[in-house]
Structures are given as structure tokens and as C-alpha cells.
Protein backbone atom coordinates (compact mmCIF):
# COMPACT_ATOMS: atom_id res chain seq x y z
CA MET A 1 0.00 0.00 0.00
CA LYS A 2 1.38 3.40 -0.98
CA HIS A 3 1.00 6.23 1.55
CA ARG A 4 0.97 9.95 0.94
CA ILE A 5 1.20 12.98 3.16
CA VAL A 6 -1.87 15.21 3.15
CA THR A 7 -1.55 18.80 4.34
CA ALA A 8 -4.13 20.59 6.47
CA ALA A 9 -5.07 22.75 3.49
CA GLN A 10 -5.76 19.67 1.39
CA MET A 11 -7.84 18.09 4.16
CA LYS A 12 -10.18 21.11 4.04
CA GLU A 13 -11.00 20.23 0.45
CA ILE A 14 -11.52 16.49 0.80
CA GLU A 15 -13.75 14.46 2.97
CA ARG A 16 -12.62 11.06 4.09
CA ALA A 17 -10.77 9.31 1.29
CA GLU A 18 -11.60 5.68 0.73
CA GLY A 19 -8.92 3.62 2.46
CA ALA A 20 -7.72 6.57 4.57
CA ALA A 21 -5.32 5.66 7.35
CA HIS A 22 -6.58 5.65 10.92
CA ALA A 23 -3.88 6.96 13.25
CA ASP A 24 -3.54 5.93 16.88
CA LEU A 25 -1.65 9.15 17.58
CA THR A 26 -1.35 12.47 15.76
CA VAL A 27 1.30 14.98 16.81
CA THR A 28 0.71 18.54 15.68
CA PHE A 29 3.17 21.36 16.19
CA ASP A 30 2.31 24.70 17.84
CA SER A 31 -1.47 24.59 17.44
CA TYR A 32 -4.42 22.42 16.51
CA LYS A 33 -5.45 22.57 12.87
CA PRO A 34 -8.96 22.57 11.35
CA LEU A 35 -8.64 18.95 10.27
CA HIS A 36 -8.21 17.88 13.90
CA MET A 37 -11.74 19.16 14.62
CA ALA A 38 -13.51 18.52 11.32
CA GLU A 39 -16.29 15.97 11.51
CA SER A 40 -14.94 13.98 8.55
CA SER A 41 -11.29 13.85 9.62
CA ALA A 42 -11.20 14.03 13.44
CA PRO A 43 -12.07 10.34 13.89
CA LEU A 44 -9.01 9.43 11.79
CA CYS A 45 -6.58 11.31 14.04
CA GLY A 46 -6.69 9.11 17.14
CA LYS A 47 -5.24 10.79 20.21
CA ILE A 48 -4.00 14.30 19.34
CA VAL A 49 -0.96 15.79 21.05
CA CYS A 50 -0.07 19.44 20.47
CA ALA A 51 3.69 19.91 20.84
CA ASP A 52 4.98 23.30 21.96
CA ILE A 53 7.83 24.30 19.67
CA GLY A 54 8.35 27.77 21.07
CA ILE A 55 6.27 29.89 18.72
CA GLN A 56 5.06 32.90 20.68
CA ASP A 57 1.40 33.93 20.49
CA GLU A 58 2.27 37.34 19.05
CA TRP A 59 3.93 35.61 16.09
CA HIS A 60 0.62 34.09 14.94
CA PRO A 61 -1.12 35.93 12.13
CA GLU A 62 -4.55 37.42 12.82
CA PHE A 63 -7.35 36.24 10.56
């Protein structure tokens, strides 16, 4: 089986792909991403750990 890396931006555009991997653990860096909360993708993430990598709050862009 061939695996591919899917970015958060790509996950916004796709629902659950047939044969999508189900992770036991997902490590995200700095902050949670939309795909970690999305109804279609959250169940695939397993336990989610947000790792602090030292990015200060004031460095985040405002949307």
C-alpha cells in the first residue's frame, strides 16, 4: 500500500478518502489545525498531542 502525506489545506477540500489511514496518535506542532476538529477527519486522528515548539502567540497571524 502506498502512503501519501496530506496537508491541512488539502484536508479542508476532501472528505474522508476511501482507504484513509486511521492513526492511533497524531502529533501537531504549535497549534491544533482545522482537520483535527472537522467531523470527517477528526475520527481518523486518534489521540491528538499538540507539541509546543516555542512559537510565541504574538507571532501568529490574525485572521
